[in-house]
Amino acid sequence: MIRIGILGDIGSGKSYVAKKFGYPVFNADDEVGKLYKKNKKVFKKLKKILPEFFYHFPISKIEVSKAILANKDNLNKIIKVIHLEIRKNINIFLKKNKKKKIVILDVPLLLENKLNKKDDILIFIKSKRTEILKRLKKRKNFNARLFKKFKNIQLPLDYKQKKSNFIIKNDFSQKSVKKEINTILRKINL
């Protein structure tokens, strides 16, 4: 099985590109959302470490945002709880898809949390900064302070780009993205 890790800036279109490959995708953002809505164990752990923010299940993203914005250490506390579960879910996803030719890992903190393997193929999604900001501002509940906190825990984009085997320039048009994906698939002999 070939593991493809998708890297890039917040709002660069990583999930959009990941879906266009046409192979099973592990989307960490979706999985985090499910943990907040469906996993009582995660709720209990978060309630134990941050009781002033987590007091009813399911967890709302507003509660998470308030906790993160209230104290700079809270984000790391939340990440410790969440990424333990995400790691487990990635392993379940990989076992479930072990007979697939390719799997796509759409995990924003893939390198930061050392979730990648040495032989993973890493693809960096490059988008224009102006386009990213325009798209982010359209998102429901966009918060510039929260965005900055998440940016601060990520590795520099130029480092991620250097670590990548391929770069896809995402102009947010389906035709050009699909063309670049097909070129990459040909280069890795598929």
N, C-alpha and C. Protein backbone atom coordinates (compact mmCIF):
# COMPACT_ATOMS: atom_id res chain seq x y z
N MET A 1 0.84 -1.18 0.00
CA MET A 1 0.00 0.00 0.00
C MET A 1 0.88 1.25 0.00
N ILE A 2 0.53 2.18 -0.87
CA ILE A 2 1.24 3.45 -0.93
C ILE A 2 0.47 4.45 -0.08
N ARG A 3 1.18 5.11 0.83
CA ARG A 3 0.58 6.13 1.67
C ARG A 3 0.97 7.50 1.14
N ILE A 4 -0.04 8.30 0.83
CA ILE A 4 0.21 9.66 0.35
C ILE A 4 -0.25 10.63 1.43
N GLY A 5 0.68 11.44 1.92
CA GLY A 5 0.37 12.46 2.91
C GLY A 5 0.19 13.81 2.24
N ILE A 6 -0.90 14.49 2.57
CA ILE A 6 -1.19 15.79 1.98
C ILE A 6 -0.80 16.89 2.97
N LEU A 7 0.08 17.78 2.52
CA LEU A 7 0.57 18.88 3.36
C LEU A 7 0.18 20.22 2.75
N GLY A 8 0.16 21.25 3.58
CA GLY A 8 -0.12 22.58 3.06
C GLY A 8 -0.65 23.49 4.16
N ASP A 9 -0.90 24.71 3.78
CA ASP A 9 -1.37 25.73 4.71
C ASP A 9 -2.84 25.49 5.07
N ILE A 10 -3.28 26.09 6.16
CA ILE A 10 -4.69 26.05 6.53
C ILE A 10 -5.45 26.77 5.41
N GLY A 11 -6.47 26.11 4.86
CA GLY A 11 -7.29 26.72 3.82
C GLY A 11 -6.71 26.62 2.42
N SER A 12 -5.63 25.83 2.24
CA SER A 12 -5.00 25.73 0.92
C SER A 12 -5.73 24.75 0.00
N GLY A 13 -6.69 24.00 0.55
CA GLY A 13 -7.43 23.05 -0.27
C GLY A 13 -6.94 21.62 -0.15
N LYS A 14 -6.32 21.28 0.99
CA LYS A 14 -5.79 19.91 1.18
C LYS A 14 -6.90 18.86 1.05
N SER A 15 -8.01 19.10 1.71
CA SER A 15 -9.11 18.12 1.69
C SER A 15 -9.72 18.00 0.30
N TYR A 16 -9.85 19.13 -0.36
CA TYR A 16 -10.38 19.16 -1.73
C TYR A 16 -9.50 18.30 -2.64
N VAL A 17 -8.19 18.52 -2.57
CA VAL A 17 -7.25 17.78 -3.41
C VAL A 17 -7.24 16.30 -3.02
N ALA A 18 -7.24 16.01 -1.72
CA ALA A 18 -7.21 14.62 -1.24
C ALA A 18 -8.37 13.81 -1.84
N LYS A 19 -9.56 14.39 -1.87
CA LYS A 19 -10.73 13.69 -2.41
C LYS A 19 -10.59 13.42 -3.91
N LYS A 20 -9.90 14.31 -4.61
CA LYS A 20 -9.77 14.20 -6.07
C LYS A 20 -8.88 13.03 -6.50
N PHE A 21 -8.12 12.45 -5.57
CA PHE A 21 -7.28 11.30 -5.92
C PHE A 21 -8.11 10.06 -6.24
N GLY A 22 -9.29 9.97 -5.65
CA GLY A 22 -10.15 8.83 -5.93
C GLY A 22 -9.79 7.58 -5.15
N TYR A 23 -9.02 7.72 -4.09
CA TYR A 23 -8.65 6.61 -3.21
C TYR A 23 -9.16 6.90 -1.80
N PRO A 24 -9.18 5.89 -0.93
CA PRO A 24 -9.66 6.14 0.44
C PRO A 24 -8.87 7.26 1.13
N VAL A 25 -9.60 8.17 1.77
CA VAL A 25 -9.00 9.33 2.43
C VAL A 25 -9.27 9.27 3.92
N PHE A 26 -8.20 9.43 4.71
CA PHE A 26 -8.37 9.65 6.15
C PHE A 26 -8.32 11.15 6.35
N ASN A 27 -9.47 11.75 6.70
CA ASN A 27 -9.55 13.19 6.90
C ASN A 27 -9.57 13.46 8.40
N ALA A 28 -8.46 13.94 8.93
CA ALA A 28 -8.33 14.15 10.38
C ALA A 28 -9.32 15.19 10.91
N ASP A 29 -9.58 16.23 10.13
CA ASP A 29 -10.54 17.25 10.59
C ASP A 29 -11.93 16.64 10.79
N ASP A 30 -12.36 15.80 9.85
CA ASP A 30 -13.66 15.13 10.00
C ASP A 30 -13.65 14.21 11.22
N GLU A 31 -12.54 13.50 11.40
CA GLU A 31 -12.42 12.57 12.53
C GLU A 31 -12.48 13.32 13.87
N VAL A 32 -11.85 14.49 13.94
CA VAL A 32 -11.89 15.29 15.17
C VAL A 32 -13.34 15.70 15.46
N GLY A 33 -14.04 16.12 14.42
CA GLY A 33 -15.46 16.47 14.57
C GLY A 33 -16.28 15.31 15.13
N LYS A 34 -16.01 14.10 14.63
CA LYS A 34 -16.71 12.91 15.14
C LYS A 34 -16.36 12.64 16.59
N LEU A 35 -15.10 12.85 16.95
CA LEU A 35 -14.70 12.65 18.35
C LEU A 35 -15.46 13.58 19.27
N TYR A 36 -15.60 14.84 18.86
CA TYR A 36 -16.32 15.82 19.68
C TYR A 36 -17.80 15.43 19.82
N LYS A 37 -18.38 14.90 18.74
CA LYS A 37 -19.81 14.60 18.75
C LYS A 37 -20.16 13.24 19.35
N LYS A 38 -19.25 12.25 19.19
CA LYS A 38 -19.64 10.87 19.51
C LYS A 38 -18.81 10.16 20.55
N ASN A 39 -17.67 10.71 20.95
CA ASN A 39 -16.77 9.96 21.83
C ASN A 39 -16.81 10.52 23.26
N LYS A 40 -17.55 9.80 24.12
CA LYS A 40 -17.70 10.26 25.52
C LYS A 40 -16.38 10.17 26.28
N LYS A 41 -15.53 9.23 25.91
CA LYS A 41 -14.23 9.09 26.58
C LYS A 41 -13.39 10.35 26.37
N VAL A 42 -13.40 10.88 25.16
CA VAL A 42 -12.67 12.12 24.86
C VAL A 42 -13.27 13.27 25.67
N PHE A 43 -14.60 13.33 25.72
CA PHE A 43 -15.26 14.38 26.50
C PHE A 43 -14.83 14.31 27.97
N LYS A 44 -14.83 13.12 28.53
CA LYS A 44 -14.46 12.97 29.95
C LYS A 44 -13.01 13.39 30.20
N LYS A 45 -12.12 13.05 29.28
CA LYS A 45 -10.71 13.45 29.42
C LYS A 45 -10.57 14.97 29.35
N LEU A 46 -11.26 15.58 28.39
CA LEU A 46 -11.19 17.04 28.25
C LEU A 46 -11.83 17.74 29.45
N LYS A 47 -12.92 17.18 29.93
CA LYS A 47 -13.60 17.76 31.09
C LYS A 47 -12.70 17.70 32.33
N LYS A 48 -11.94 16.62 32.42
CA LYS A 48 -11.04 16.46 33.57
C LYS A 48 -9.91 17.50 33.55
N ILE A 49 -9.35 17.76 32.38
CA ILE A 49 -8.21 18.69 32.31
C ILE A 49 -8.63 20.16 32.15
N LEU A 50 -9.83 20.38 31.59
CA LEU A 50 -10.33 21.76 31.38
C LEU A 50 -11.81 21.85 31.75
N PRO A 51 -12.13 21.61 33.02
CA PRO A 51 -13.55 21.55 33.44
C PRO A 51 -14.32 22.86 33.24
N GLU A 52 -13.62 23.98 33.22
CA GLU A 52 -14.32 25.26 33.05
C GLU A 52 -14.81 25.49 31.62
N PHE A 53 -14.35 24.64 30.68
CA PHE A 53 -14.75 24.79 29.27
C PHE A 53 -15.60 23.63 28.75
N PHE A 54 -15.38 22.44 29.29
CA PHE A 54 -16.09 21.26 28.79
C PHE A 54 -17.01 20.73 29.87
N TYR A 55 -18.31 21.00 29.71
CA TYR A 55 -19.24 20.59 30.76
C TYR A 55 -20.45 19.83 30.24
N HIS A 56 -20.64 19.74 28.92
CA HIS A 56 -21.71 18.88 28.43
C HIS A 56 -21.32 18.22 27.10
N PHE A 57 -21.92 17.05 26.92
CA PHE A 57 -21.65 16.22 25.75
C PHE A 57 -22.87 16.30 24.84
N PRO A 58 -22.72 16.36 23.53
CA PRO A 58 -21.48 16.39 22.75
C PRO A 58 -20.76 17.75 22.87
N ILE A 59 -19.49 17.72 22.59
CA ILE A 59 -18.66 18.93 22.67
C ILE A 59 -18.95 19.80 21.45
N SER A 60 -19.14 21.09 21.69
CA SER A 60 -19.35 22.00 20.55
C SER A 60 -18.01 22.66 20.20
N LYS A 61 -17.90 23.01 18.92
CA LYS A 61 -16.67 23.67 18.48
C LYS A 61 -16.50 25.03 19.16
N ILE A 62 -17.60 25.63 19.56
CA ILE A 62 -17.54 26.92 20.27
C ILE A 62 -16.84 26.74 21.61
N GLU A 63 -17.15 25.63 22.31
CA GLU A 63 -16.49 25.34 23.59
C GLU A 63 -14.98 25.17 23.37
N VAL A 64 -14.63 24.44 22.33
CA VAL A 64 -13.22 24.19 22.02
C VAL A 64 -12.53 25.52 21.71
N SER A 65 -13.17 26.34 20.89
CA SER A 65 -12.60 27.65 20.55
C SER A 65 -12.38 28.52 21.78
N LYS A 66 -13.36 28.56 22.66
CA LYS A 66 -13.24 29.36 23.89
C LYS A 66 -12.06 28.88 24.73
N ALA A 67 -11.92 27.56 24.84
CA ALA A 67 -10.81 26.99 25.63
C ALA A 67 -9.46 27.39 25.03
N ILE A 68 -9.36 27.28 23.71
CA ILE A 68 -8.10 27.60 23.03
C ILE A 68 -7.76 29.08 23.17
N LEU A 69 -8.74 29.93 23.02
CA LEU A 69 -8.50 31.37 23.08
C LEU A 69 -8.25 31.88 24.50
N ALA A 70 -8.71 31.15 25.50
CA ALA A 70 -8.57 31.60 26.89
C ALA A 70 -7.14 31.49 27.42
N ASN A 71 -6.38 30.51 26.92
CA ASN A 71 -5.06 30.27 27.49
C ASN A 71 -4.19 29.56 26.46
N LYS A 72 -2.97 30.03 26.28
CA LYS A 72 -2.11 29.46 25.23
C LYS A 72 -1.77 27.98 25.46
N ASP A 73 -1.81 27.51 26.70
CA ASP A 73 -1.50 26.11 26.98
C ASP A 73 -2.66 25.16 26.68
N ASN A 74 -3.87 25.71 26.61
CA ASN A 74 -5.05 24.86 26.41
C ASN A 74 -5.03 24.12 25.08
N LEU A 75 -4.53 24.76 24.04
CA LEU A 75 -4.48 24.10 22.73
C LEU A 75 -3.63 22.83 22.82
N ASN A 76 -2.48 22.92 23.46
CA ASN A 76 -1.62 21.73 23.59
C ASN A 76 -2.27 20.64 24.43
N LYS A 77 -3.00 21.03 25.47
CA LYS A 77 -3.72 20.05 26.30
C LYS A 77 -4.77 19.32 25.47
N ILE A 78 -5.50 20.07 24.67
CA ILE A 78 -6.55 19.48 23.82
C ILE A 78 -5.92 18.57 22.77
N ILE A 79 -4.83 19.04 22.15
CA ILE A 79 -4.15 18.25 21.12
C ILE A 79 -3.68 16.91 21.68
N LYS A 80 -3.14 16.91 22.89
CA LYS A 80 -2.66 15.65 23.49
C LYS A 80 -3.77 14.61 23.57
N VAL A 81 -4.94 15.04 23.99
CA VAL A 81 -6.09 14.13 24.10
C VAL A 81 -6.56 13.69 22.72
N ILE A 82 -6.75 14.65 21.84
CA ILE A 82 -7.33 14.38 20.52
C ILE A 82 -6.39 13.54 19.65
N HIS A 83 -5.10 13.89 19.64
CA HIS A 83 -4.19 13.18 18.73
C HIS A 83 -3.91 11.74 19.14
N LEU A 84 -4.09 11.43 20.38
CA LEU A 84 -3.99 10.03 20.81
C LEU A 84 -5.09 9.22 20.11
N GLU A 85 -6.29 9.78 20.09
CA GLU A 85 -7.43 9.11 19.43
C GLU A 85 -7.27 9.11 17.91
N ILE A 86 -6.77 10.21 17.36
CA ILE A 86 -6.57 10.30 15.91
C ILE A 86 -5.56 9.24 15.46
N ARG A 87 -4.51 9.07 16.23
CA ARG A 87 -3.50 8.04 15.94
C ARG A 87 -4.14 6.65 15.88
N LYS A 88 -5.01 6.36 16.86
CA LYS A 88 -5.72 5.07 16.87
C LYS A 88 -6.61 4.94 15.63
N ASN A 89 -7.32 6.03 15.30
CA ASN A 89 -8.22 5.99 14.15
C ASN A 89 -7.48 5.84 12.83
N ILE A 90 -6.29 6.43 12.74
CA ILE A 90 -5.48 6.25 11.52
C ILE A 90 -5.11 4.77 11.38
N ASN A 91 -4.70 4.16 12.48
CA ASN A 91 -4.33 2.74 12.43
C ASN A 91 -5.51 1.86 12.03
N ILE A 92 -6.69 2.16 12.52
CA ILE A 92 -7.90 1.42 12.13
C ILE A 92 -8.16 1.61 10.63
N PHE A 93 -8.06 2.86 10.17
CA PHE A 93 -8.26 3.18 8.75
C PHE A 93 -7.26 2.42 7.88
N LEU A 94 -5.99 2.39 8.29
CA LEU A 94 -4.96 1.70 7.51
C LEU A 94 -5.20 0.19 7.47
N LYS A 95 -5.60 -0.39 8.58
CA LYS A 95 -5.92 -1.83 8.60
C LYS A 95 -7.10 -2.14 7.70
N LYS A 96 -8.13 -1.29 7.77
CA LYS A 96 -9.34 -1.48 6.97
C LYS A 96 -9.02 -1.39 5.47
N ASN A 97 -8.04 -0.57 5.12
CA ASN A 97 -7.71 -0.33 3.71
C ASN A 97 -6.39 -0.96 3.26
N LYS A 98 -5.92 -1.96 4.01
CA LYS A 98 -4.59 -2.52 3.73
C LYS A 98 -4.46 -3.17 2.35
N LYS A 99 -5.56 -3.57 1.75
CA LYS A 99 -5.51 -4.18 0.42
C LYS A 99 -5.63 -3.14 -0.70
N LYS A 100 -5.84 -1.90 -0.34
CA LYS A 100 -5.95 -0.83 -1.35
C LYS A 100 -4.56 -0.49 -1.88
N LYS A 101 -4.51 -0.07 -3.14
CA LYS A 101 -3.25 0.30 -3.76
C LYS A 101 -2.67 1.56 -3.11
N ILE A 102 -3.58 2.52 -2.82
CA ILE A 102 -3.17 3.82 -2.28
C ILE A 102 -4.16 4.26 -1.20
N VAL A 103 -3.65 4.92 -0.17
CA VAL A 103 -4.50 5.63 0.79
C VAL A 103 -3.97 7.05 0.91
N ILE A 104 -4.89 7.97 1.18
CA ILE A 104 -4.54 9.37 1.30
C ILE A 104 -4.71 9.79 2.75
N LEU A 105 -3.67 10.42 3.30
CA LEU A 105 -3.72 10.91 4.68
C LEU A 105 -3.82 12.43 4.65
N ASP A 106 -5.02 12.91 4.92
CA ASP A 106 -5.30 14.35 4.98
C ASP A 106 -5.29 14.73 6.46
N VAL A 107 -4.08 14.93 6.98
CA VAL A 107 -3.86 15.17 8.41
C VAL A 107 -3.05 16.46 8.55
N PRO A 108 -3.70 17.57 8.98
CA PRO A 108 -2.99 18.84 9.05
C PRO A 108 -1.67 18.81 9.82
N LEU A 109 -1.57 18.05 10.89
CA LEU A 109 -0.33 18.01 11.67
C LEU A 109 0.43 16.70 11.46
N LEU A 110 0.43 16.22 10.23
CA LEU A 110 1.05 14.94 9.89
C LEU A 110 2.53 14.91 10.30
N LEU A 111 3.29 15.90 9.88
CA LEU A 111 4.72 15.94 10.21
C LEU A 111 4.95 16.34 11.66
N GLU A 112 4.17 17.32 12.13
CA GLU A 112 4.35 17.83 13.49
C GLU A 112 4.16 16.73 14.54
N ASN A 113 3.21 15.85 14.29
CA ASN A 113 2.93 14.76 15.24
C ASN A 113 3.60 13.45 14.84
N LYS A 114 4.51 13.54 13.89
CA LYS A 114 5.30 12.38 13.43
C LYS A 114 4.40 11.18 13.08
N LEU A 115 3.35 11.47 12.31
CA LEU A 115 2.42 10.43 11.89
C LEU A 115 2.81 9.85 10.52
N ASN A 116 3.79 10.47 9.89
CA ASN A 116 4.24 9.98 8.59
C ASN A 116 5.33 8.92 8.75
N LYS A 117 5.45 8.11 7.72
CA LYS A 117 6.51 7.10 7.68
C LYS A 117 7.53 7.54 6.64
N LYS A 118 8.73 6.98 6.74
CA LYS A 118 9.85 7.35 5.88
C LYS A 118 9.52 7.22 4.39
N ASP A 119 8.80 6.16 4.02
CA ASP A 119 8.52 5.95 2.60
C ASP A 119 7.18 6.51 2.12
N ASP A 120 6.52 7.32 2.96
CA ASP A 120 5.29 7.99 2.52
C ASP A 120 5.63 8.95 1.39
N ILE A 121 4.70 9.12 0.48
CA ILE A 121 4.84 10.13 -0.56
C ILE A 121 4.13 11.37 -0.03
N LEU A 122 4.87 12.46 0.07
CA LEU A 122 4.31 13.70 0.60
C LEU A 122 4.04 14.68 -0.53
N ILE A 123 2.83 15.24 -0.53
CA ILE A 123 2.44 16.19 -1.55
C ILE A 123 2.04 17.50 -0.87
N PHE A 124 2.69 18.56 -1.28
CA PHE A 124 2.42 19.88 -0.73
C PHE A 124 1.42 20.60 -1.62
N ILE A 125 0.36 21.14 -1.00
CA ILE A 125 -0.64 21.90 -1.74
C ILE A 125 -0.30 23.38 -1.61
N LYS A 126 0.04 23.96 -2.74
CA LYS A 126 0.45 25.38 -2.75
C LYS A 126 -0.69 26.21 -3.33
N SER A 127 -1.10 27.22 -2.57
CA SER A 127 -2.17 28.11 -3.01
C SER A 127 -1.75 29.54 -2.75
N LYS A 128 -2.35 30.45 -3.51
CA LYS A 128 -2.06 31.87 -3.31
C LYS A 128 -2.59 32.32 -1.97
N ARG A 129 -1.78 33.06 -1.24
CA ARG A 129 -2.14 33.56 0.10
C ARG A 129 -3.46 34.34 0.07
N THR A 130 -3.63 35.17 -0.95
CA THR A 130 -4.85 35.98 -1.05
C THR A 130 -6.08 35.08 -1.21
N GLU A 131 -5.92 34.03 -2.01
CA GLU A 131 -7.03 33.08 -2.25
C GLU A 131 -7.36 32.33 -0.96
N ILE A 132 -6.34 31.94 -0.22
CA ILE A 132 -6.54 31.22 1.05
C ILE A 132 -7.32 32.10 2.02
N LEU A 133 -6.88 33.34 2.20
CA LEU A 133 -7.55 34.24 3.15
C LEU A 133 -9.00 34.51 2.73
N LYS A 134 -9.22 34.66 1.44
CA LYS A 134 -10.57 34.88 0.93
C LYS A 134 -11.47 33.68 1.27
N ARG A 135 -10.94 32.49 1.07
CA ARG A 135 -11.70 31.26 1.35
C ARG A 135 -11.93 31.08 2.85
N LEU A 136 -10.90 31.36 3.67
CA LEU A 136 -11.04 31.20 5.12
C LEU A 136 -12.10 32.14 5.68
N LYS A 137 -12.13 33.36 5.20
CA LYS A 137 -13.10 34.33 5.71
C LYS A 137 -14.54 33.94 5.38
N LYS A 138 -14.72 33.10 4.37
CA LYS A 138 -16.06 32.62 4.01
C LYS A 138 -16.53 31.49 4.94
N ARG A 139 -15.57 30.87 5.64
CA ARG A 139 -15.92 29.75 6.51
C ARG A 139 -16.79 30.22 7.67
N LYS A 140 -17.76 29.37 7.99
CA LYS A 140 -18.62 29.65 9.14
C LYS A 140 -17.73 29.62 10.39
N ASN A 141 -17.92 30.54 11.29
CA ASN A 141 -17.17 30.64 12.55
C ASN A 141 -15.68 30.91 12.37
N PHE A 142 -15.28 31.54 11.25
CA PHE A 142 -13.86 31.88 11.08
C PHE A 142 -13.46 32.88 12.16
N ASN A 143 -12.31 32.62 12.80
CA ASN A 143 -11.82 33.48 13.86
C ASN A 143 -10.32 33.70 13.62
N ALA A 144 -9.93 34.93 13.38
CA ALA A 144 -8.53 35.24 13.04
C ALA A 144 -7.58 34.88 14.18
N ARG A 145 -7.98 35.08 15.44
CA ARG A 145 -7.12 34.75 16.57
C ARG A 145 -6.90 33.23 16.66
N LEU A 146 -7.95 32.48 16.42
CA LEU A 146 -7.87 31.01 16.43
C LEU A 146 -6.97 30.53 15.29
N PHE A 147 -7.16 31.12 14.13
CA PHE A 147 -6.35 30.80 12.95
C PHE A 147 -4.86 30.99 13.27
N LYS A 148 -4.53 32.10 13.93
CA LYS A 148 -3.15 32.41 14.28
C LYS A 148 -2.58 31.36 15.25
N LYS A 149 -3.40 30.93 16.22
CA LYS A 149 -2.94 29.91 17.19
C LYS A 149 -2.64 28.60 16.48
N PHE A 150 -3.49 28.21 15.54
CA PHE A 150 -3.25 26.97 14.80
C PHE A 150 -2.02 27.10 13.91
N LYS A 151 -1.82 28.26 13.30
CA LYS A 151 -0.65 28.49 12.46
C LYS A 151 0.64 28.36 13.29
N ASN A 152 0.58 28.84 14.53
CA ASN A 152 1.77 28.83 15.40
C ASN A 152 2.23 27.44 15.80
N ILE A 153 1.35 26.44 15.76
CA ILE A 153 1.77 25.08 16.13
C ILE A 153 2.23 24.27 14.92
N GLN A 154 2.10 24.86 13.74
CA GLN A 154 2.51 24.15 12.53
C GLN A 154 3.96 24.46 12.17
N LEU A 155 4.57 23.49 11.53
CA LEU A 155 5.92 23.70 11.00
C LEU A 155 5.86 24.74 9.89
N PRO A 156 6.96 25.44 9.63
CA PRO A 156 6.95 26.43 8.55
C PRO A 156 6.59 25.79 7.20
N LEU A 157 5.85 26.53 6.39
CA LEU A 157 5.40 26.01 5.10
C LEU A 157 6.57 25.68 4.17
N ASP A 158 7.63 26.49 4.22
CA ASP A 158 8.77 26.20 3.34
C ASP A 158 9.44 24.88 3.73
N TYR A 159 9.44 24.54 5.02
CA TYR A 159 9.98 23.25 5.48
C TYR A 159 9.12 22.11 4.93
N LYS A 160 7.80 22.25 5.05
CA LYS A 160 6.89 21.21 4.55
C LYS A 160 7.05 21.04 3.04
N GLN A 161 7.21 22.16 2.36
CA GLN A 161 7.37 22.10 0.90
C GLN A 161 8.67 21.38 0.53
N LYS A 162 9.75 21.66 1.25
CA LYS A 162 11.04 21.00 0.99
C LYS A 162 10.96 19.50 1.26
N LYS A 163 10.20 19.11 2.27
CA LYS A 163 10.06 17.70 2.64
C LYS A 163 9.21 16.92 1.63
N SER A 164 8.45 17.63 0.83
CA SER A 164 7.49 17.00 -0.08
C SER A 164 8.15 16.44 -1.33
N ASN A 165 7.57 15.34 -1.81
CA ASN A 165 8.02 14.72 -3.06
C ASN A 165 7.44 15.44 -4.27
N PHE A 166 6.24 16.01 -4.08
CA PHE A 166 5.54 16.69 -5.17
C PHE A 166 4.86 17.94 -4.64
N ILE A 167 4.59 18.87 -5.55
CA ILE A 167 3.85 20.08 -5.21
C ILE A 167 2.69 20.21 -6.20
N ILE A 168 1.51 20.44 -5.66
CA ILE A 168 0.35 20.70 -6.50
C ILE A 168 -0.01 22.17 -6.30
N LYS A 169 -0.04 22.91 -7.40
CA LYS A 169 -0.48 24.30 -7.34
C LYS A 169 -2.00 24.27 -7.43
N ASN A 170 -2.65 24.63 -6.33
CA ASN A 170 -4.11 24.59 -6.29
C ASN A 170 -4.67 25.96 -6.65
N ASP A 171 -5.23 26.04 -7.85
CA ASP A 171 -5.89 27.28 -8.26
C ASP A 171 -7.40 27.14 -8.06
N PHE A 172 -7.79 26.06 -7.37
CA PHE A 172 -9.18 25.77 -7.03
C PHE A 172 -10.05 25.52 -8.25
N SER A 173 -9.40 25.05 -9.33
CA SER A 173 -10.18 24.60 -10.50
C SER A 173 -9.96 23.09 -10.61
N GLN A 174 -11.06 22.40 -10.76
CA GLN A 174 -11.03 20.94 -10.77
C GLN A 174 -10.13 20.38 -11.87
N LYS A 175 -10.18 21.01 -13.04
CA LYS A 175 -9.43 20.51 -14.20
C LYS A 175 -7.92 20.51 -13.95
N SER A 176 -7.38 21.62 -13.45
CA SER A 176 -5.92 21.70 -13.26
C SER A 176 -5.46 20.80 -12.12
N VAL A 177 -6.26 20.70 -11.05
CA VAL A 177 -5.90 19.84 -9.92
C VAL A 177 -5.88 18.38 -10.37
N LYS A 178 -6.91 17.97 -11.10
CA LYS A 178 -6.99 16.59 -11.57
C LYS A 178 -5.82 16.27 -12.50
N LYS A 179 -5.44 17.24 -13.33
CA LYS A 179 -4.31 17.04 -14.26
C LYS A 179 -3.02 16.81 -13.46
N GLU A 180 -2.79 17.62 -12.42
CA GLU A 180 -1.58 17.47 -11.60
C GLU A 180 -1.59 16.14 -10.84
N ILE A 181 -2.75 15.73 -10.36
CA ILE A 181 -2.87 14.44 -9.65
C ILE A 181 -2.52 13.30 -10.60
N ASN A 182 -3.06 13.34 -11.82
CA ASN A 182 -2.77 12.28 -12.80
C ASN A 182 -1.28 12.22 -13.14
N THR A 183 -0.63 13.37 -13.22
CA THR A 183 0.81 13.42 -13.49
C THR A 183 1.57 12.74 -12.34
N ILE A 184 1.18 13.05 -11.11
CA ILE A 184 1.84 12.45 -9.94
C ILE A 184 1.62 10.93 -9.92
N LEU A 185 0.39 10.49 -10.18
CA LEU A 185 0.09 9.05 -10.18
C LEU A 185 0.92 8.33 -11.24
N ARG A 186 1.10 8.97 -12.39
CA ARG A 186 1.95 8.37 -13.46
C ARG A 186 3.39 8.26 -12.98
N LYS A 187 3.88 9.31 -12.31
CA LYS A 187 5.27 9.31 -11.85
C LYS A 187 5.53 8.25 -10.76
N ILE A 188 4.49 7.91 -9.99
CA ILE A 188 4.70 6.85 -8.99
C ILE A 188 4.21 5.51 -9.54
N ASN A 189 4.11 5.46 -10.89
CA ASN A 189 3.84 4.22 -11.63
C ASN A 189 2.48 3.60 -11.33
N LEU A 190 1.44 4.39 -11.41
CA LEU A 190 0.10 3.81 -11.23
C LEU A 190 -0.73 4.05 -12.45
